[in-house]
Amino acid sequence: MTDQPTPQLPETHKDLVGQEKRAFAALGLVLKSGEPQVTPMWFDFDGTHFIFNTARGRVKDRIMRRRPVVAFSVQDPQNPYRYIQVRGRVVDETEEGAYDQICDLAQKYQGQRDYPKNPGEQRVTYRIAPERYTTMG
Protein backbone atom coordinates (compact mmCIF):
# COMPACT_ATOMS: atom_id res chain seq x y z
CA MET A 1 0.00 0.00 0.00
CA THR A 2 1.36 3.41 -0.94
CA ASP A 3 0.88 6.49 1.15
CA GLN A 4 -1.45 8.96 -0.52
CA PRO A 5 -0.27 12.58 -0.44
CA THR A 6 -2.31 14.89 1.75
CA PRO A 7 -4.69 16.79 -0.52
CA GLN A 8 -4.25 20.54 -0.74
CA LEU A 9 -6.99 22.74 0.68
CA PRO A 10 -8.59 24.42 -2.37
CA GLU A 11 -7.49 28.07 -2.62
CA THR A 12 -11.07 29.08 -3.47
CA HIS A 13 -12.31 27.97 -0.04
CA LYS A 14 -9.38 28.71 2.29
CA ASP A 15 -11.24 31.68 3.73
CA LEU A 16 -13.86 29.31 5.22
CA VAL A 17 -11.34 27.66 7.52
CA GLY A 18 -9.46 30.80 8.56
CA GLN A 19 -9.87 33.02 11.57
CA GLU A 20 -11.89 35.75 9.86
CA LYS A 21 -15.03 33.84 8.83
CA ARG A 22 -15.84 32.09 12.14
CA ALA A 23 -17.81 29.48 10.21
CA PHE A 24 -19.02 26.42 12.10
CA ALA A 25 -18.26 22.86 10.99
CA ALA A 26 -21.11 20.34 10.84
CA LEU A 27 -19.28 17.25 12.12
CA GLY A 28 -20.79 13.97 10.93
CA LEU A 29 -20.13 10.70 12.73
CA VAL A 30 -21.73 7.26 12.77
CA LEU A 31 -23.20 5.87 16.00
CA LYS A 32 -22.68 2.26 17.06
CA SER A 33 -26.24 1.56 15.85
CA GLY A 34 -25.29 2.77 12.36
CA GLU A 35 -27.35 5.95 12.66
CA PRO A 36 -25.72 9.23 11.60
CA GLN A 37 -25.03 11.93 14.18
CA VAL A 38 -24.22 15.53 13.21
CA THR A 39 -23.05 18.29 15.55
CA PRO A 40 -22.27 21.95 14.81
CA MET A 41 -18.75 22.54 16.09
CA TRP A 42 -16.13 25.18 16.58
CA PHE A 43 -12.91 24.18 14.84
CA ASP A 44 -9.47 25.39 13.92
CA PHE A 45 -7.10 24.66 11.05
CA ASP A 46 -3.33 24.72 11.56
CA GLY A 47 -2.47 24.53 7.86
CA THR A 48 -2.30 20.73 7.95
CA HIS A 49 -4.89 19.41 10.41
CA PHE A 50 -8.41 20.36 11.37
CA ILE A 51 -8.74 20.62 15.14
CA PHE A 52 -11.85 19.84 17.17
CA ASN A 53 -12.31 20.04 20.92
CA THR A 54 -14.87 18.29 23.10
CA ALA A 55 -15.19 16.90 26.60
CA ARG A 56 -14.14 13.40 27.53
CA GLY A 57 -17.12 11.01 27.59
CA ARG A 58 -19.37 12.95 25.23
CA VAL A 59 -20.86 11.16 22.23
CA LYS A 60 -18.36 12.78 19.81
CA ASP A 61 -15.45 11.69 21.98
CA ARG A 62 -16.68 8.11 22.29
CA ILE A 63 -17.35 7.79 18.55
CA MET A 64 -14.05 9.29 17.38
CA ARG A 65 -12.10 7.04 19.77
CA ARG A 66 -13.92 3.94 18.55
CA ARG A 67 -14.07 4.82 14.86
CA PRO A 68 -11.57 7.52 13.89
CA VAL A 69 -13.05 8.55 10.55
CA VAL A 70 -15.01 11.77 10.14
CA ALA A 71 -16.74 13.96 7.60
CA PHE A 72 -17.71 17.56 8.08
CA SER A 73 -18.79 20.53 6.07
CA VAL A 74 -18.11 24.21 6.60
CA GLN A 75 -20.70 26.55 5.13
CA ASP A 76 -19.97 30.16 4.25
CA PRO A 77 -21.95 32.33 6.72
CA GLN A 78 -22.48 34.95 3.98
CA ASN A 79 -23.45 32.51 1.22
CA PRO A 80 -25.16 29.25 2.25
CA TYR A 81 -24.67 27.82 -1.26
CA ARG A 82 -20.89 27.94 -0.83
CA TYR A 83 -19.22 25.29 1.32
CA ILE A 84 -16.36 22.86 1.67
CA GLN A 85 -16.77 19.24 2.69
CA VAL A 86 -13.86 17.41 4.29
CA ARG A 87 -13.38 13.70 4.84
CA GLY A 88 -10.53 12.56 7.00
CA ARG A 89 -9.08 10.54 9.85
CA VAL A 90 -8.29 11.25 13.46
CA VAL A 91 -4.49 11.23 13.70
CA ASP A 92 -4.07 12.57 17.21
CA GLU A 93 -6.10 12.81 20.39
CA THR A 94 -4.82 14.48 23.53
CA GLU A 95 -5.97 16.00 26.79
CA GLU A 96 -2.72 17.95 27.11
CA GLY A 97 -3.37 21.64 26.40
CA ALA A 98 -7.01 20.93 25.52
CA TYR A 99 -8.47 23.52 27.90
CA ASP A 100 -6.17 26.21 26.43
CA GLN A 101 -7.21 25.11 22.96
CA ILE A 102 -10.94 25.49 23.74
CA CYS A 103 -10.09 28.97 25.06
CA ASP A 104 -8.41 29.72 21.70
CA LEU A 105 -11.61 28.63 19.96
CA ALA A 106 -13.69 30.80 22.31
CA GLN A 107 -11.50 33.75 21.30
CA LYS A 108 -12.07 32.99 17.60
CA TYR A 109 -15.83 32.49 17.86
CA GLN A 110 -16.85 34.74 20.76
CA GLY A 111 -14.06 37.29 20.98
CA GLN A 112 -13.00 36.29 24.50
CA ARG A 113 -10.86 33.50 25.93
CA ASP A 114 -12.98 32.87 29.02
CA TYR A 115 -14.38 29.41 28.38
CA PRO A 116 -16.31 28.02 31.37
CA LYS A 117 -14.50 25.31 33.32
CA ASN A 118 -17.05 22.73 34.40
CA PRO A 119 -16.14 20.77 37.54
CA GLY A 120 -14.87 17.30 36.69
CA GLU A 121 -14.84 17.96 32.94
CA GLN A 122 -11.74 16.95 30.99
CA ARG A 123 -11.31 18.61 27.60
CA VAL A 124 -9.80 16.65 24.71
CA THR A 125 -8.43 17.83 21.37
CA TYR A 126 -8.72 15.81 18.16
CA ARG A 127 -6.57 16.46 15.09
CA ILE A 128 -8.02 15.39 11.76
CA ALA A 129 -5.88 14.76 8.68
CA PRO A 130 -7.93 15.61 5.58
CA GLU A 131 -8.08 12.89 2.93
CA ARG A 132 -10.56 14.46 0.53
CA TYR A 133 -12.07 17.87 -0.16
CA THR A 134 -15.26 18.63 -2.06
CA THR A 135 -16.39 22.19 -2.70
CA MET A 136 -19.48 23.99 -3.93
CA GLY A 137 -19.86 27.62 -4.91
C-alpha atoms as a PDB file:
ATOM      1  CA  MET A   1       0.000   0.000   0.000  1.00  0.00           C
ATOM      2  CA  THR A   2       1.362   3.408  -0.935  1.00  0.00           C
ATOM      3  CA  ASP A   3       0.875   6.492   1.145  1.00  0.00           C
ATOM      4  CA  GLN A   4      -1.448   8.964  -0.517  1.00  0.00           C
ATOM      5  CA  PRO A   5      -0.269  12.581  -0.436  1.00  0.00           C
ATOM      6  CA  THR A   6      -2.307  14.893   1.748  1.00  0.00           C
ATOM      7  CA  PRO A   7      -4.688  16.787  -0.517  1.00  0.00           C
ATOM      8  CA  GLN A   8      -4.255  20.537  -0.743  1.00  0.00           C
ATOM      9  CA  LEU A   9      -6.988  22.738   0.675  1.00  0.00           C
ATOM     10  CA  PRO A  10      -8.586  24.418  -2.368  1.00  0.00           C
ATOM     11  CA  GLU A  11      -7.490  28.072  -2.623  1.00  0.00           C
ATOM     12  CA  THR A  12     -11.065  29.083  -3.468  1.00  0.00           C
ATOM     13  CA  HIS A  13     -12.313  27.970  -0.037  1.00  0.00           C
ATOM     14  CA  LYS A  14      -9.376  28.713   2.295  1.00  0.00           C
ATOM     15  CA  ASP A  15     -11.241  31.676   3.734  1.00  0.00           C
ATOM     16  CA  LEU A  16     -13.861  29.312   5.216  1.00  0.00           C
ATOM     17  CA  VAL A  17     -11.335  27.659   7.524  1.00  0.00           C
ATOM     18  CA  GLY A  18      -9.460  30.799   8.559  1.00  0.00           C
ATOM     19  CA  GLN A  19      -9.872  33.022  11.573  1.00  0.00           C
ATOM     20  CA  GLU A  20     -11.892  35.753   9.862  1.00  0.00           C
ATOM     21  CA  LYS A  21     -15.033  33.835   8.830  1.00  0.00           C
ATOM     22  CA  ARG A  22     -15.837  32.093  12.140  1.00  0.00           C
ATOM     23  CA  ALA A  23     -17.812  29.483  10.213  1.00  0.00           C
ATOM     24  CA  PHE A  24     -19.022  26.422  12.096  1.00  0.00           C
ATOM     25  CA  ALA A  25     -18.263  22.863  10.993  1.00  0.00           C
ATOM     26  CA  ALA A  26     -21.112  20.342  10.843  1.00  0.00           C
ATOM     27  CA  LEU A  27     -19.283  17.251  12.115  1.00  0.00           C
ATOM     28  CA  GLY A  28     -20.792  13.975  10.929  1.00  0.00           C
ATOM     29  CA  LEU A  29     -20.129  10.702  12.730  1.00  0.00           C
ATOM     30  CA  VAL A  30     -21.735   7.265  12.771  1.00  0.00           C
ATOM     31  CA  LEU A  31     -23.201   5.870  16.002  1.00  0.00           C
ATOM     32  CA  LYS A  32     -22.676   2.260  17.056  1.00  0.00           C
ATOM     33  CA  SER A  33     -26.243   1.564  15.854  1.00  0.00           C
ATOM     34  CA  GLY A  34     -25.295   2.772  12.362  1.00  0.00           C
ATOM     35  CA  GLU A  35     -27.347   5.951  12.664  1.00  0.00           C
ATOM     36  CA  PRO A  36     -25.719   9.231  11.605  1.00  0.00           C
ATOM     37  CA  GLN A  37     -25.027  11.926  14.176  1.00  0.00           C
ATOM     38  CA  VAL A  38     -24.221  15.534  13.206  1.00  0.00           C
ATOM     39  CA  THR A  39     -23.049  18.288  15.550  1.00  0.00           C
ATOM     40  CA  PRO A  40     -22.271  21.953  14.811  1.00  0.00           C
ATOM     41  CA  MET A  41     -18.751  22.538  16.094  1.00  0.00           C
ATOM     42  CA  TRP A  42     -16.131  25.185  16.585  1.00  0.00           C
ATOM     43  CA  PHE A  43     -12.914  24.179  14.841  1.00  0.00           C
ATOM     44  CA  ASP A  44      -9.471  25.395  13.921  1.00  0.00           C
ATOM     45  CA  PHE A  45      -7.103  24.657  11.048  1.00  0.00           C
ATOM     46  CA  ASP A  46      -3.332  24.722  11.559  1.00  0.00           C
ATOM     47  CA  GLY A  47      -2.472  24.526   7.865  1.00  0.00           C
ATOM     48  CA  THR A  48      -2.297  20.726   7.948  1.00  0.00           C
ATOM     49  CA  HIS A  49      -4.886  19.410  10.413  1.00  0.00           C
ATOM     50  CA  PHE A  50      -8.415  20.360  11.371  1.00  0.00           C
ATOM     51  CA  ILE A  51      -8.739  20.616  15.137  1.00  0.00           C
ATOM     52  CA  PHE A  52     -11.851  19.838  17.166  1.00  0.00           C
ATOM     53  CA  ASN A  53     -12.311  20.043  20.916  1.00  0.00           C
ATOM     54  CA  THR A  54     -14.870  18.288  23.097  1.00  0.00           C
ATOM     55  CA  ALA A  55     -15.192  16.902  26.600  1.00  0.00           C
ATOM     56  CA  ARG A  56     -14.140  13.399  27.534  1.00  0.00           C
ATOM     57  CA  GLY A  57     -17.122  11.009  27.591  1.00  0.00           C
ATOM     58  CA  ARG A  58     -19.372  12.953  25.226  1.00  0.00           C
ATOM     59  CA  VAL A  59     -20.863  11.158  22.233  1.00  0.00           C
ATOM     60  CA  LYS A  60     -18.362  12.779  19.815  1.00  0.00           C
ATOM     61  CA  ASP A  61     -15.446  11.690  21.984  1.00  0.00           C
ATOM     62  CA  ARG A  62     -16.684   8.110  22.288  1.00  0.00           C
ATOM     63  CA  ILE A  63     -17.355   7.787  18.547  1.00  0.00           C
ATOM     64  CA  MET A  64     -14.046   9.290  17.382  1.00  0.00           C
ATOM     65  CA  ARG A  65     -12.097   7.045  19.771  1.00  0.00           C
ATOM     66  CA  ARG A  66     -13.923   3.941  18.552  1.00  0.00           C
ATOM     67  CA  ARG A  67     -14.071   4.823  14.855  1.00  0.00           C
ATOM     68  CA  PRO A  68     -11.566   7.524  13.892  1.00  0.00           C
ATOM     69  CA  VAL A  69     -13.051   8.548  10.547  1.00  0.00           C
ATOM     70  CA  VAL A  70     -15.013  11.769  10.137  1.00  0.00           C
ATOM     71  CA  ALA A  71     -16.736  13.956   7.596  1.00  0.00           C
ATOM     72  CA  PHE A  72     -17.712  17.563   8.083  1.00  0.00           C
ATOM     73  CA  SER A  73     -18.792  20.529   6.073  1.00  0.00           C
ATOM     74  CA  VAL A  74     -18.107  24.206   6.597  1.00  0.00           C
ATOM     75  CA  GLN A  75     -20.702  26.548   5.129  1.00  0.00           C
ATOM     76  CA  ASP A  76     -19.968  30.158   4.251  1.00  0.00           C
ATOM     77  CA  PRO A  77     -21.947  32.330   6.724  1.00  0.00           C
ATOM     78  CA  GLN A  78     -22.482  34.953   3.983  1.00  0.00           C
ATOM     79  CA  ASN A  79     -23.455  32.512   1.218  1.00  0.00           C
ATOM     80  CA  PRO A  80     -25.155  29.247   2.253  1.00  0.00           C
ATOM     81  CA  TYR A  81     -24.674  27.815  -1.258  1.00  0.00           C
ATOM     82  CA  ARG A  82     -20.890  27.935  -0.831  1.00  0.00           C
ATOM     83  CA  TYR A  83     -19.217  25.287   1.317  1.00  0.00           C
ATOM     84  CA  ILE A  84     -16.364  22.855   1.667  1.00  0.00           C
ATOM     85  CA  GLN A  85     -16.767  19.236   2.688  1.00  0.00           C
ATOM     86  CA  VAL A  86     -13.856  17.412   4.289  1.00  0.00           C
ATOM     87  CA  ARG A  87     -13.376  13.697   4.841  1.00  0.00           C
ATOM     88  CA  GLY A  88     -10.526  12.556   7.003  1.00  0.00           C
ATOM     89  CA  ARG A  89      -9.080  10.536   9.854  1.00  0.00           C
ATOM     90  CA  VAL A  90      -8.287  11.255  13.460  1.00  0.00           C
ATOM     91  CA  VAL A  91      -4.493  11.234  13.696  1.00  0.00           C
ATOM     92  CA  ASP A  92      -4.072  12.569  17.210  1.00  0.00           C
ATOM     93  CA  GLU A  93      -6.100  12.810  20.394  1.00  0.00           C
ATOM     94  CA  THR A  94      -4.820  14.482  23.535  1.00  0.00           C
ATOM     95  CA  GLU A  95      -5.967  16.004  26.793  1.00  0.00           C
ATOM     96  CA  GLU A  96      -2.723  17.952  27.107  1.00  0.00           C
ATOM     97  CA  GLY A  97      -3.367  21.643  26.404  1.00  0.00           C
ATOM     98  CA  ALA A  98      -7.012  20.931  25.520  1.00  0.00           C
ATOM     99  CA  TYR A  99      -8.466  23.523  27.900  1.00  0.00           C
ATOM    100  CA  ASP A 100      -6.169  26.208  26.432  1.00  0.00           C
ATOM    101  CA  GLN A 101      -7.209  25.108  22.957  1.00  0.00           C
ATOM    102  CA  ILE A 102     -10.942  25.489  23.735  1.00  0.00           C
ATOM    103  CA  CYS A 103     -10.091  28.971  25.059  1.00  0.00           C
ATOM    104  CA  ASP A 104      -8.406  29.725  21.700  1.00  0.00           C
ATOM    105  CA  LEU A 105     -11.611  28.634  19.963  1.00  0.00           C
ATOM    106  CA  ALA A 106     -13.690  30.800  22.310  1.00  0.00           C
ATOM    107  CA  GLN A 107     -11.501  33.747  21.300  1.00  0.00           C
ATOM    108  CA  LYS A 108     -12.070  32.985  17.600  1.00  0.00           C
ATOM    109  CA  TYR A 109     -15.833  32.489  17.856  1.00  0.00           C
ATOM    110  CA  GLN A 110     -16.846  34.735  20.757  1.00  0.00           C
ATOM    111  CA  GLY A 111     -14.056  37.293  20.983  1.00  0.00           C
ATOM    112  CA  GLN A 112     -12.999  36.291  24.498  1.00  0.00           C
ATOM    113  CA  ARG A 113     -10.862  33.502  25.932  1.00  0.00           C
ATOM    114  CA  ASP A 114     -12.984  32.870  29.021  1.00  0.00           C
ATOM    115  CA  TYR A 115     -14.381  29.411  28.379  1.00  0.00           C
ATOM    116  CA  PRO A 116     -16.307  28.020  31.367  1.00  0.00           C
ATOM    117  CA  LYS A 117     -14.505  25.308  33.322  1.00  0.00           C
ATOM    118  CA  ASN A 118     -17.052  22.731  34.400  1.00  0.00           C
ATOM    119  CA  PRO A 119     -16.143  20.769  37.544  1.00  0.00           C
ATOM    120  CA  GLY A 120     -14.869  17.303  36.688  1.00  0.00           C
ATOM    121  CA  GLU A 121     -14.841  17.960  32.937  1.00  0.00           C
ATOM    122  CA  GLN A 122     -11.735  16.950  30.993  1.00  0.00           C
ATOM    123  CA  ARG A 123     -11.315  18.606  27.600  1.00  0.00           C
ATOM    124  CA  VAL A 124      -9.795  16.653  24.710  1.00  0.00           C
ATOM    125  CA  THR A 125      -8.429  17.834  21.371  1.00  0.00           C
ATOM    126  CA  TYR A 126      -8.719  15.811  18.165  1.00  0.00           C
ATOM    127  CA  ARG A 127      -6.569  16.463  15.088  1.00  0.00           C
ATOM    128  CA  ILE A 128      -8.022  15.393  11.760  1.00  0.00           C
ATOM    129  CA  ALA A 129      -5.882  14.756   8.676  1.00  0.00           C
ATOM    130  CA  PRO A 130      -7.932  15.610   5.576  1.00  0.00           C
ATOM    131  CA  GLU A 131      -8.079  12.888   2.930  1.00  0.00           C
ATOM    132  CA  ARG A 132     -10.558  14.462   0.535  1.00  0.00           C
ATOM    133  CA  TYR A 133     -12.073  17.868  -0.165  1.00  0.00           C
ATOM    134  CA  THR A 134     -15.263  18.631  -2.057  1.00  0.00           C
ATOM    135  CA  THR A 135     -16.388  22.194  -2.704  1.00  0.00           C
ATOM    136  CA  MET A 136     -19.476  23.992  -3.930  1.00  0.00           C
ATOM    137  CA  GLY A 137     -19.857  27.620  -4.908  1.00  0.00           C
END
